[in-house]
Amino acid sequence: MALDADILLDRRRLKKSVFRWRVVAAIAVLAVILIGLAGTGLNKGVFGTLGPRIVEVTIDGVITEDPYLLDALAAVEEDSDVVGVIVHINSPGGTMVGGETLFEALRRIGETRPIVAEMGTVAASGGYMTAIAADHIVARRGTVTGSIGVIFQSMNFTGTLEKLGVEPLTVKSGPLKAVPNPFEPTDDAARTAMQSLISDMFDVFVGMVAERRDLPMDTVKTLADGRVYTGQQALANGLIDEIGGRREAVRWLEDKAGVTTEAEIVPLEIEYPEDDLMTTVLEGTLGKVLSSEGLKLDGLLTVWQPQ
């Protein structure tokens, strides 16, 4: 009987030992899976997030409507682990609607998280519109900024066509349909109509600057005569807050906005389809070659175009 009791006791000990090793093995396997998911970023959606993060958004080149960028910013808006945003801007601007939608997307994030803008070589017109979505703006002394205004460009080929003996024919439903038309002279009525569009969007732009920079409307209108400013001039006129770069931007988030120093800075991930990615790369490259961005942009523009 004593022998049977010893055998039974040994079996129980063996079962407990096997169970403990199975638990250890299961934990080890789970740890390996978690490490693998951390490397791919898939654990963000399955097991939560990786802790507090500062997202760095780069706005480079001509600003147009970009649904993939807006989707990425919407994801940032919903991510509670994002504790701050840095927006690096190197852009001469772009379309009015492109700048407006980007501004609004950043402001939705800014309602719950601090945003700091860091201007690069150029942050003019629509680029500056993007910057004022931030709570704090940093620029280099030599940064080209400002150019607060709206522009619409067209051409008139009537003189050339006359020399070539070509007479264009246009049939339209009303005198202001498709004006200005490069194949017919622009009369006073057409100019007045176009100026009305420009003035309306200009008032929107000026209002945005006045509100975000806490400046009197008259002051902004004086500054918004289309000229560009250096970073130093922009600081003196209240258009930016500080001279500096990325280091100063991060320092502001930590010292003034109270963002934890343990927050990791990560780039914004934008998921472009392969064909759209190729188009984006080509447009960004060709856009630097073209002397006028207006050659490939339609609509009202907020863009700095040095001739």
C-alpha atoms as a PDB file:
ATOM      1  CA  MET A   1       0.000   0.000   0.000  1.00  0.00           C
ATOM      2  CA  ALA A   2       2.846   2.367   0.819  1.00  0.00           C
ATOM      3  CA  LEU A   3       4.334   1.656  -2.588  1.00  0.00           C
ATOM      4  CA  ASP A   4       1.053   2.539  -4.337  1.00  0.00           C
ATOM      5  CA  ALA A   5       0.865   5.836  -2.426  1.00  0.00           C
ATOM      6  CA  ASP A   6       4.384   6.738  -3.459  1.00  0.00           C
ATOM      7  CA  ILE A   7       3.608   5.970  -7.103  1.00  0.00           C
ATOM      8  CA  LEU A   8       0.428   8.068  -6.942  1.00  0.00           C
ATOM      9  CA  LEU A   9       2.342  10.969  -5.367  1.00  0.00           C
ATOM     10  CA  ASP A  10       5.030  10.780  -8.047  1.00  0.00           C
ATOM     11  CA  ARG A  11       2.404  10.848 -10.770  1.00  0.00           C
ATOM     12  CA  ARG A  12       0.801  13.948  -9.273  1.00  0.00           C
ATOM     13  CA  ARG A  13       4.166  15.684  -9.065  1.00  0.00           C
ATOM     14  CA  LEU A  14       4.875  14.727 -12.678  1.00  0.00           C
ATOM     15  CA  LYS A  15       1.511  16.098 -13.829  1.00  0.00           C
ATOM     16  CA  LYS A  16       2.139  19.381 -12.000  1.00  0.00           C
ATOM     17  CA  SER A  17       5.613  19.643 -13.532  1.00  0.00           C
ATOM     18  CA  VAL A  18       4.276  18.949 -17.036  1.00  0.00           C
ATOM     19  CA  PHE A  19       1.520  21.541 -16.529  1.00  0.00           C
ATOM     20  CA  ARG A  20       4.033  24.168 -15.401  1.00  0.00           C
ATOM     21  CA  TRP A  21       6.217  23.512 -18.449  1.00  0.00           C
ATOM     22  CA  ARG A  22       3.190  23.729 -20.737  1.00  0.00           C
ATOM     23  CA  VAL A  23       2.308  27.129 -19.243  1.00  0.00           C
ATOM     24  CA  VAL A  24       5.884  28.337 -19.675  1.00  0.00           C
ATOM     25  CA  ALA A  25       5.915  27.106 -23.279  1.00  0.00           C
ATOM     26  CA  ALA A  26       2.587  28.820 -24.020  1.00  0.00           C
ATOM     27  CA  ILE A  27       3.859  32.102 -22.580  1.00  0.00           C
ATOM     28  CA  ALA A  28       7.052  31.807 -24.633  1.00  0.00           C
ATOM     29  CA  VAL A  29       5.091  31.214 -27.831  1.00  0.00           C
ATOM     30  CA  LEU A  30       2.807  34.162 -27.078  1.00  0.00           C
ATOM     31  CA  ALA A  31       5.838  36.372 -26.414  1.00  0.00           C
ATOM     32  CA  VAL A  32       7.356  35.390 -29.762  1.00  0.00           C
ATOM     33  CA  ILE A  33       4.056  36.225 -31.514  1.00  0.00           C
ATOM     34  CA  LEU A  34       3.855  39.606 -29.783  1.00  0.00           C
ATOM     35  CA  ILE A  35       7.438  40.460 -30.728  1.00  0.00           C
ATOM     36  CA  GLY A  36       6.754  39.500 -34.318  1.00  0.00           C
ATOM     37  CA  LEU A  37       3.612  41.609 -34.435  1.00  0.00           C
ATOM     38  CA  ALA A  38       5.462  44.540 -32.894  1.00  0.00           C
ATOM     39  CA  GLY A  39       7.917  44.407 -35.782  1.00  0.00           C
ATOM     40  CA  THR A  40       5.116  44.540 -38.344  1.00  0.00           C
ATOM     41  CA  GLY A  41       2.941  47.016 -36.498  1.00  0.00           C
ATOM     42  CA  LEU A  42      -0.066  44.624 -36.618  1.00  0.00           C
ATOM     43  CA  ASN A  43      -0.416  44.517 -32.852  1.00  0.00           C
ATOM     44  CA  LYS A  44      -1.694  48.090 -32.885  1.00  0.00           C
ATOM     45  CA  GLY A  45      -5.073  46.894 -34.039  1.00  0.00           C
ATOM     46  CA  VAL A  46      -5.132  43.575 -32.137  1.00  0.00           C
ATOM     47  CA  PHE A  47      -3.516  44.153 -28.784  1.00  0.00           C
ATOM     48  CA  GLY A  48      -3.765  47.913 -28.444  1.00  0.00           C
ATOM     49  CA  THR A  49      -1.002  50.403 -29.134  1.00  0.00           C
ATOM     50  CA  LEU A  50       2.672  50.885 -28.447  1.00  0.00           C
ATOM     51  CA  GLY A  51       2.356  53.782 -26.028  1.00  0.00           C
ATOM     52  CA  PRO A  52       2.421  57.579 -26.399  1.00  0.00           C
ATOM     53  CA  ARG A  53       3.615  58.823 -29.776  1.00  0.00           C
ATOM     54  CA  ILE A  54       4.297  62.099 -31.553  1.00  0.00           C
ATOM     55  CA  VAL A  55       3.325  61.843 -35.205  1.00  0.00           C
ATOM     56  CA  GLU A  56       5.445  63.737 -37.722  1.00  0.00           C
ATOM     57  CA  VAL A  57       3.549  64.857 -40.832  1.00  0.00           C
ATOM     58  CA  THR A  58       5.569  65.974 -43.867  1.00  0.00           C
ATOM     59  CA  ILE A  59       3.934  68.315 -46.380  1.00  0.00           C
ATOM     60  CA  ASP A  60       6.286  68.557 -49.332  1.00  0.00           C
ATOM     61  CA  GLY A  61       5.678  70.053 -52.780  1.00  0.00           C
ATOM     62  CA  VAL A  62       2.444  71.290 -54.307  1.00  0.00           C
ATOM     63  CA  ILE A  63      -0.621  70.937 -52.076  1.00  0.00           C
ATOM     64  CA  THR A  64      -3.676  69.398 -53.747  1.00  0.00           C
ATOM     65  CA  GLU A  65      -6.588  67.302 -52.538  1.00  0.00           C
ATOM     66  CA  ASP A  66      -5.048  64.055 -51.315  1.00  0.00           C
ATOM     67  CA  PRO A  67      -7.651  61.565 -49.995  1.00  0.00           C
ATOM     68  CA  TYR A  68      -4.961  59.153 -48.789  1.00  0.00           C
ATOM     69  CA  LEU A  69      -3.267  61.847 -46.707  1.00  0.00           C
ATOM     70  CA  LEU A  70      -6.646  62.880 -45.295  1.00  0.00           C
ATOM     71  CA  ASP A  71      -7.432  59.259 -44.388  1.00  0.00           C
ATOM     72  CA  ALA A  72      -4.103  58.991 -42.562  1.00  0.00           C
ATOM     73  CA  LEU A  73      -4.802  62.198 -40.649  1.00  0.00           C
ATOM     74  CA  ALA A  74      -8.283  60.926 -39.764  1.00  0.00           C
ATOM     75  CA  ALA A  75      -6.642  57.821 -38.272  1.00  0.00           C
ATOM     76  CA  VAL A  76      -4.374  60.078 -36.187  1.00  0.00           C
ATOM     77  CA  GLU A  77      -7.457  61.962 -35.003  1.00  0.00           C
ATOM     78  CA  GLU A  78      -8.939  58.704 -33.679  1.00  0.00           C
ATOM     79  CA  ASP A  79      -5.698  57.380 -32.138  1.00  0.00           C
ATOM     80  CA  SER A  80      -5.714  58.184 -28.427  1.00  0.00           C
ATOM     81  CA  ASP A  81      -2.021  57.279 -28.096  1.00  0.00           C
ATOM     82  CA  VAL A  82      -0.992  60.203 -30.316  1.00  0.00           C
ATOM     83  CA  VAL A  83      -0.080  62.926 -27.825  1.00  0.00           C
ATOM     84  CA  GLY A  84       1.254  65.541 -30.257  1.00  0.00           C
ATOM     85  CA  VAL A  85       1.866  66.314 -33.924  1.00  0.00           C
ATOM     86  CA  ILE A  86       4.783  67.934 -35.750  1.00  0.00           C
ATOM     87  CA  VAL A  87       3.988  69.240 -39.236  1.00  0.00           C
ATOM     88  CA  HIS A  88       7.076  69.781 -41.373  1.00  0.00           C
ATOM     89  CA  ILE A  89       6.255  72.032 -44.329  1.00  0.00           C
ATOM     90  CA  ASN A  90       8.303  72.617 -47.455  1.00  0.00           C
ATOM     91  CA  SER A  91       5.723  73.798 -49.965  1.00  0.00           C
ATOM     92  CA  PRO A  92       4.976  76.845 -52.144  1.00  0.00           C
ATOM     93  CA  GLY A  93       1.260  76.138 -51.715  1.00  0.00           C
ATOM     94  CA  GLY A  94      -1.210  74.769 -54.206  1.00  0.00           C
ATOM     95  CA  THR A  95      -4.952  74.814 -54.742  1.00  0.00           C
ATOM     96  CA  MET A  96      -7.261  76.698 -52.416  1.00  0.00           C
ATOM     97  CA  VAL A  97      -9.346  73.602 -51.771  1.00  0.00           C
ATOM     98  CA  GLY A  98      -6.261  71.455 -51.175  1.00  0.00           C
ATOM     99  CA  GLY A  99      -4.951  73.864 -48.540  1.00  0.00           C
ATOM    100  CA  GLU A 100      -8.389  74.308 -46.988  1.00  0.00           C
ATOM    101  CA  THR A 101      -9.055  70.579 -46.550  1.00  0.00           C
ATOM    102  CA  LEU A 102      -5.579  70.006 -45.121  1.00  0.00           C
ATOM    103  CA  PHE A 103      -6.050  72.894 -42.678  1.00  0.00           C
ATOM    104  CA  GLU A 104      -9.397  71.506 -41.504  1.00  0.00           C
ATOM    105  CA  ALA A 105      -8.013  67.988 -41.051  1.00  0.00           C
ATOM    106  CA  LEU A 106      -5.181  69.294 -38.875  1.00  0.00           C
ATOM    107  CA  ARG A 107      -7.530  71.473 -36.850  1.00  0.00           C
ATOM    108  CA  ARG A 108      -9.712  68.475 -36.011  1.00  0.00           C
ATOM    109  CA  ILE A 109      -6.613  66.818 -34.565  1.00  0.00           C
ATOM    110  CA  GLY A 110      -5.657  70.075 -32.849  1.00  0.00           C
ATOM    111  CA  GLU A 111      -8.886  70.139 -30.875  1.00  0.00           C
ATOM    112  CA  THR A 112      -7.510  67.418 -28.593  1.00  0.00           C
ATOM    113  CA  ARG A 113      -3.733  67.367 -29.215  1.00  0.00           C
ATOM    114  CA  PRO A 114      -1.055  70.082 -29.516  1.00  0.00           C
ATOM    115  CA  ILE A 115       0.324  70.715 -33.006  1.00  0.00           C
ATOM    116  CA  VAL A 116       3.561  72.485 -33.887  1.00  0.00           C
ATOM    117  CA  ALA A 117       4.526  73.497 -37.428  1.00  0.00           C
ATOM    118  CA  GLU A 118       8.139  73.488 -38.553  1.00  0.00           C
ATOM    119  CA  MET A 119       8.747  75.471 -41.747  1.00  0.00           C
ATOM    120  CA  GLY A 120      11.506  74.426 -44.101  1.00  0.00           C
ATOM    121  CA  THR A 121      12.873  76.270 -47.111  1.00  0.00           C
ATOM    122  CA  VAL A 122       9.450  77.432 -48.331  1.00  0.00           C
ATOM    123  CA  ALA A 123       6.096  77.545 -46.563  1.00  0.00           C
ATOM    124  CA  ALA A 124       4.250  80.150 -48.584  1.00  0.00           C
ATOM    125  CA  SER A 125       0.637  80.761 -49.545  1.00  0.00           C
ATOM    126  CA  GLY A 126      -1.138  77.400 -49.128  1.00  0.00           C
ATOM    127  CA  GLY A 127       1.953  76.212 -47.267  1.00  0.00           C
ATOM    128  CA  TYR A 128       1.427  79.018 -44.771  1.00  0.00           C
ATOM    129  CA  MET A 129      -2.286  78.148 -44.622  1.00  0.00           C
ATOM    130  CA  THR A 130      -1.206  74.688 -43.489  1.00  0.00           C
ATOM    131  CA  ALA A 131       1.137  76.154 -40.875  1.00  0.00           C
ATOM    132  CA  ILE A 132      -1.533  78.281 -39.189  1.00  0.00           C
ATOM    133  CA  ALA A 133      -3.448  75.110 -38.359  1.00  0.00           C
ATOM    134  CA  ALA A 134      -0.732  74.558 -35.727  1.00  0.00           C
ATOM    135  CA  ASP A 135      -0.700  75.998 -32.214  1.00  0.00           C
ATOM    136  CA  HIS A 136       2.935  77.064 -32.560  1.00  0.00           C
ATOM    137  CA  ILE A 137       4.932  77.891 -35.699  1.00  0.00           C
ATOM    138  CA  VAL A 138       8.710  77.569 -35.982  1.00  0.00           C
ATOM    139  CA  ALA A 139      10.697  78.762 -39.016  1.00  0.00           C
ATOM    140  CA  ARG A 140      14.297  79.290 -40.028  1.00  0.00           C
ATOM    141  CA  ARG A 141      15.562  82.843 -40.475  1.00  0.00           C
ATOM    142  CA  GLY A 142      15.805  82.266 -44.208  1.00  0.00           C
ATOM    143  CA  THR A 143      12.487  80.462 -44.630  1.00  0.00           C
ATOM    144  CA  VAL A 144      10.334  81.957 -47.402  1.00  0.00           C
ATOM    145  CA  THR A 145       6.799  82.362 -46.091  1.00  0.00           C
ATOM    146  CA  GLY A 146       3.777  84.627 -46.347  1.00  0.00           C
ATOM    147  CA  SER A 147       2.387  85.211 -49.851  1.00  0.00           C
ATOM    148  CA  ILE A 148      -1.069  85.367 -48.313  1.00  0.00           C
ATOM    149  CA  GLY A 149      -3.396  85.585 -51.258  1.00  0.00           C
ATOM    150  CA  VAL A 150      -5.347  83.848 -54.006  1.00  0.00           C
ATOM    151  CA  ILE A 151      -4.600  83.752 -57.723  1.00  0.00           C
ATOM    152  CA  PHE A 152      -6.302  82.611 -60.898  1.00  0.00           C
ATOM    153  CA  GLN A 153      -4.305  82.484 -64.099  1.00  0.00           C
ATOM    154  CA  SER A 154      -5.234  82.177 -67.749  1.00  0.00           C
ATOM    155  CA  MET A 155      -3.795  83.086 -71.156  1.00  0.00           C
ATOM    156  CA  ASN A 156      -5.009  84.969 -74.198  1.00  0.00           C
ATOM    157  CA  PHE A 157      -4.033  83.569 -77.600  1.00  0.00           C
ATOM    158  CA  THR A 158      -6.224  85.842 -79.726  1.00  0.00           C
ATOM    159  CA  GLY A 159      -3.289  87.910 -81.035  1.00  0.00           C
ATOM    160  CA  THR A 160      -1.345  84.802 -81.996  1.00  0.00           C
ATOM    161  CA  LEU A 161      -4.389  83.278 -83.695  1.00  0.00           C
ATOM    162  CA  GLU A 162      -4.942  86.456 -85.736  1.00  0.00           C
ATOM    163  CA  LYS A 163      -1.353  86.307 -87.001  1.00  0.00           C
ATOM    164  CA  LEU A 164      -1.896  82.691 -87.984  1.00  0.00           C
ATOM    165  CA  GLY A 165      -5.197  83.489 -89.712  1.00  0.00           C
ATOM    166  CA  VAL A 166      -7.197  81.335 -87.310  1.00  0.00           C
ATOM    167  CA  GLU A 167     -10.606  82.494 -86.112  1.00  0.00           C
ATOM    168  CA  PRO A 168     -11.919  80.510 -83.097  1.00  0.00           C
ATOM    169  CA  LEU A 169     -15.660  79.871 -82.790  1.00  0.00           C
ATOM    170  CA  THR A 170     -17.324  79.627 -79.383  1.00  0.00           C
ATOM    171  CA  VAL A 171     -21.042  79.002 -78.811  1.00  0.00           C
ATOM    172  CA  LYS A 172     -22.161  79.179 -75.173  1.00  0.00           C
ATOM    173  CA  SER A 173     -25.298  79.541 -73.082  1.00  0.00           C
ATOM    174  CA  GLY A 174     -24.311  82.796 -71.406  1.00  0.00           C
ATOM    175  CA  PRO A 175     -21.716  85.557 -71.694  1.00  0.00           C
ATOM    176  CA  LEU A 176     -19.845  84.429 -68.564  1.00  0.00           C
ATOM    177  CA  LYS A 177     -19.742  80.737 -69.411  1.00  0.00           C
ATOM    178  CA  ALA A 178     -16.146  79.424 -69.513  1.00  0.00           C
ATOM    179  CA  VAL A 179     -14.471  82.748 -68.837  1.00  0.00           C
ATOM    180  CA  PRO A 180     -11.737  83.666 -69.051  1.00  0.00           C
ATOM    181  CA  ASN A 181     -11.375  81.896 -72.379  1.00  0.00           C
ATOM    182  CA  PRO A 182      -7.867  81.927 -73.927  1.00  0.00           C
ATOM    183  CA  PHE A 183      -9.443  82.039 -77.390  1.00  0.00           C
ATOM    184  CA  GLU A 184     -11.428  85.249 -76.905  1.00  0.00           C
ATOM    185  CA  PRO A 185     -10.751  88.679 -75.344  1.00  0.00           C
ATOM    186  CA  THR A 186     -11.660  89.062 -71.662  1.00  0.00           C
ATOM    187  CA  ASP A 187     -14.177  91.886 -71.249  1.00  0.00           C
ATOM    188  CA  ASP A 188     -14.965  93.933 -68.134  1.00  0.00           C
ATOM    189  CA  ALA A 189     -17.877  91.698 -67.121  1.00  0.00           C
ATOM    190  CA  ALA A 190     -15.640  88.626 -67.162  1.00  0.00           C
ATOM    191  CA  ARG A 191     -12.910  90.381 -65.187  1.00  0.00           C
ATOM    192  CA  THR A 192     -15.446  91.535 -62.595  1.00  0.00           C
ATOM    193  CA  ALA A 193     -16.811  88.010 -62.205  1.00  0.00           C
ATOM    194  CA  MET A 194     -13.345  86.520 -61.754  1.00  0.00           C
ATOM    195  CA  GLN A 195     -12.319  89.233 -59.309  1.00  0.00           C
ATOM    196  CA  SER A 196     -15.402  88.425 -57.250  1.00  0.00           C
ATOM    197  CA  LEU A 197     -14.235  84.819 -56.919  1.00  0.00           C
ATOM    198  CA  ILE A 198     -10.725  85.857 -55.962  1.00  0.00           C
ATOM    199  CA  SER A 199     -11.947  88.418 -53.408  1.00  0.00           C
ATOM    200  CA  ASP A 200     -14.291  85.901 -51.790  1.00  0.00           C
ATOM    201  CA  MET A 201     -11.548  83.310 -51.256  1.00  0.00           C
ATOM    202  CA  PHE A 202      -9.072  86.008 -50.237  1.00  0.00           C
ATOM    203  CA  ASP A 203     -11.427  87.050 -47.421  1.00  0.00           C
ATOM    204  CA  VAL A 204     -11.577  83.405 -46.305  1.00  0.00           C
ATOM    205  CA  PHE A 205      -7.783  83.146 -46.222  1.00  0.00           C
ATOM    206  CA  VAL A 206      -7.339  86.451 -44.394  1.00  0.00           C
ATOM    207  CA  GLY A 207     -10.003  85.458 -41.869  1.00  0.00           C
ATOM    208  CA  MET A 208      -8.197  82.198 -41.160  1.00  0.00           C
ATOM    209  CA  VAL A 209      -4.916  84.018 -40.539  1.00  0.00           C
ATOM    210  CA  ALA A 210      -6.544  86.650 -38.313  1.00  0.00           C
ATOM    211  CA  GLU A 211      -8.272  84.017 -36.189  1.00  0.00           C
ATOM    212  CA  ARG A 212      -5.398  81.572 -35.844  1.00  0.00           C
ATOM    213  CA  ARG A 213      -2.683  84.205 -35.304  1.00  0.00           C
ATOM    214  CA  ASP A 214      -4.893  86.415 -33.117  1.00  0.00           C
ATOM    215  CA  LEU A 215      -4.207  89.472 -35.267  1.00  0.00           C
ATOM    216  CA  PRO A 216      -6.557  92.349 -36.191  1.00  0.00           C
ATOM    217  CA  MET A 217      -8.157  91.923 -39.602  1.00  0.00           C
ATOM    218  CA  ASP A 218      -6.754  95.251 -40.813  1.00  0.00           C
ATOM    219  CA  THR A 219      -3.254  94.176 -39.833  1.00  0.00           C
ATOM    220  CA  VAL A 220      -3.561  90.909 -41.728  1.00  0.00           C
ATOM    221  CA  LYS A 221      -4.916  92.673 -44.820  1.00  0.00           C
ATOM    222  CA  THR A 222      -1.901  94.982 -44.742  1.00  0.00           C
ATOM    223  CA  LEU A 223       0.420  91.971 -44.567  1.00  0.00           C
ATOM    224  CA  ALA A 224      -1.571  90.061 -47.183  1.00  0.00           C
ATOM    225  CA  ASP A 225      -0.605  92.055 -50.260  1.00  0.00           C
ATOM    226  CA  GLY A 226       0.908  88.950 -51.842  1.00  0.00           C
ATOM    227  CA  ARG A 227       4.514  89.527 -50.784  1.00  0.00           C
ATOM    228  CA  VAL A 228       6.690  86.882 -49.184  1.00  0.00           C
ATOM    229  CA  TYR A 229       8.593  87.314 -45.931  1.00  0.00           C
ATOM    230  CA  THR A 230      11.716  85.800 -44.458  1.00  0.00           C
ATOM    231  CA  GLY A 231      11.365  83.892 -41.215  1.00  0.00           C
ATOM    232  CA  GLN A 232      12.769  86.884 -39.330  1.00  0.00           C
ATOM    233  CA  GLN A 233      10.284  89.258 -40.935  1.00  0.00           C
ATOM    234  CA  ALA A 234       7.431  86.843 -40.288  1.00  0.00           C
ATOM    235  CA  LEU A 235       8.366  86.701 -36.597  1.00  0.00           C
ATOM    236  CA  ALA A 236       8.430  90.497 -36.350  1.00  0.00           C
ATOM    237  CA  ASN A 237       4.978  90.680 -37.963  1.00  0.00           C
ATOM    238  CA  GLY A 238       3.411  88.013 -35.769  1.00  0.00           C
ATOM    239  CA  LEU A 239       3.015  85.450 -38.539  1.00  0.00           C
ATOM    240  CA  ILE A 240       5.165  82.864 -36.719  1.00  0.00           C
ATOM    241  CA  ASP A 241       6.185  82.280 -33.099  1.00  0.00           C
ATOM    242  CA  GLU A 242       9.833  81.257 -33.021  1.00  0.00           C
ATOM    243  CA  ILE A 243      13.031  80.981 -35.022  1.00  0.00           C
ATOM    244  CA  GLY A 244      14.333  77.447 -35.089  1.00  0.00           C
ATOM    245  CA  GLY A 245      13.846  73.969 -36.479  1.00  0.00           C
ATOM    246  CA  ARG A 246      12.840  70.482 -35.448  1.00  0.00           C
ATOM    247  CA  ARG A 247      14.674  70.649 -32.110  1.00  0.00           C
ATOM    248  CA  GLU A 248      12.748  73.766 -31.114  1.00  0.00           C
ATOM    249  CA  ALA A 249       9.505  72.201 -32.304  1.00  0.00           C
ATOM    250  CA  VAL A 250      10.023  69.136 -30.115  1.00  0.00           C
ATOM    251  CA  ARG A 251      11.116  71.312 -27.205  1.00  0.00           C
ATOM    252  CA  TRP A 252       7.892  73.345 -27.455  1.00  0.00           C
ATOM    253  CA  LEU A 253       5.793  70.173 -27.358  1.00  0.00           C
ATOM    254  CA  GLU A 254       7.612  68.973 -24.248  1.00  0.00           C
ATOM    255  CA  ASP A 255       8.091  72.245 -22.352  1.00  0.00           C
ATOM    256  CA  LYS A 256       5.034  74.301 -23.309  1.00  0.00           C
ATOM    257  CA  ALA A 257       2.435  71.742 -24.380  1.00  0.00           C
ATOM    258  CA  GLY A 258       3.278  69.222 -21.660  1.00  0.00           C
ATOM    259  CA  VAL A 259       3.916  66.268 -23.958  1.00  0.00           C
ATOM    260  CA  THR A 260       5.820  63.486 -22.205  1.00  0.00           C
ATOM    261  CA  THR A 261       9.493  63.186 -23.076  1.00  0.00           C
ATOM    262  CA  GLU A 262       8.991  59.432 -23.336  1.00  0.00           C
ATOM    263  CA  ALA A 263       6.792  59.816 -26.422  1.00  0.00           C
ATOM    264  CA  GLU A 264       8.344  58.281 -29.518  1.00  0.00           C
ATOM    265  CA  ILE A 265       8.409  60.394 -32.695  1.00  0.00           C
ATOM    266  CA  VAL A 266       7.082  58.380 -35.636  1.00  0.00           C
ATOM    267  CA  PRO A 267       6.393  59.419 -39.249  1.00  0.00           C
ATOM    268  CA  LEU A 268       2.827  59.499 -40.517  1.00  0.00           C
ATOM    269  CA  GLU A 269       2.110  56.349 -42.497  1.00  0.00           C
ATOM    270  CA  ILE A 270       0.111  56.997 -45.669  1.00  0.00           C
ATOM    271  CA  GLU A 271      -1.147  53.989 -47.610  1.00  0.00           C
ATOM    272  CA  TYR A 272      -0.989  54.894 -51.293  1.00  0.00           C
ATOM    273  CA  PRO A 273      -2.029  52.376 -53.944  1.00  0.00           C
ATOM    274  CA  GLU A 274       0.942  51.488 -56.124  1.00  0.00           C
ATOM    275  CA  ASP A 275      -0.312  53.416 -59.180  1.00  0.00           C
ATOM    276  CA  ASP A 276      -1.148  56.520 -57.127  1.00  0.00           C
ATOM    277  CA  LEU A 277       2.239  56.379 -55.437  1.00  0.00           C
ATOM    278  CA  MET A 278       3.970  56.455 -58.818  1.00  0.00           C
ATOM    279  CA  THR A 279       1.817  59.406 -59.898  1.00  0.00           C
ATOM    280  CA  THR A 280       2.656  61.262 -56.685  1.00  0.00           C
ATOM    281  CA  VAL A 281       6.391  60.704 -57.164  1.00  0.00           C
ATOM    282  CA  LEU A 282       6.305  61.823 -60.794  1.00  0.00           C
ATOM    283  CA  GLU A 283       4.246  64.924 -60.064  1.00  0.00           C
ATOM    284  CA  GLY A 284       6.523  65.865 -57.183  1.00  0.00           C
ATOM    285  CA  THR A 285       9.584  65.548 -59.432  1.00  0.00           C
ATOM    286  CA  LEU A 286       8.124  67.241 -62.490  1.00  0.00           C
ATOM    287  CA  GLY A 287       6.608  69.983 -60.363  1.00  0.00           C
ATOM    288  CA  LYS A 288      10.118  71.171 -59.499  1.00  0.00           C
ATOM    289  CA  VAL A 289      11.045  71.307 -63.167  1.00  0.00           C
ATOM    290  CA  LEU A 290       8.054  73.311 -64.362  1.00  0.00           C
ATOM    291  CA  SER A 291       8.524  77.064 -64.114  1.00  0.00           C
ATOM    292  CA  SER A 292       4.870  77.575 -63.217  1.00  0.00           C
ATOM    293  CA  GLU A 293       2.855  75.206 -61.066  1.00  0.00           C
ATOM    294  CA  GLY A 294      -0.214  76.732 -62.731  1.00  0.00           C
ATOM    295  CA  LEU A 295       0.580  74.616 -65.788  1.00  0.00           C
ATOM    296  CA  LYS A 296      -0.685  71.543 -63.977  1.00  0.00           C
ATOM    297  CA  LEU A 297      -3.195  72.962 -61.476  1.00  0.00           C
ATOM    298  CA  ASP A 298      -6.788  73.978 -62.086  1.00  0.00           C
ATOM    299  CA  GLY A 299      -9.030  76.193 -59.992  1.00  0.00           C
ATOM    300  CA  LEU A 300      -8.194  78.964 -57.562  1.00  0.00           C
ATOM    301  CA  LEU A 301      -4.599  78.786 -56.368  1.00  0.00           C
ATOM    302  CA  THR A 302      -2.864  79.757 -53.163  1.00  0.00           C
ATOM    303  CA  VAL A 303       0.645  79.266 -54.426  1.00  0.00           C
ATOM    304  CA  TRP A 304       3.845  81.288 -54.514  1.00  0.00           C
ATOM    305  CA  GLN A 305       5.131  81.408 -58.089  1.00  0.00           C
ATOM    306  CA  PRO A 306       8.360  83.366 -58.398  1.00  0.00           C
ATOM    307  CA  GLN A 307       9.030  84.248 -62.018  1.00  0.00           C
END
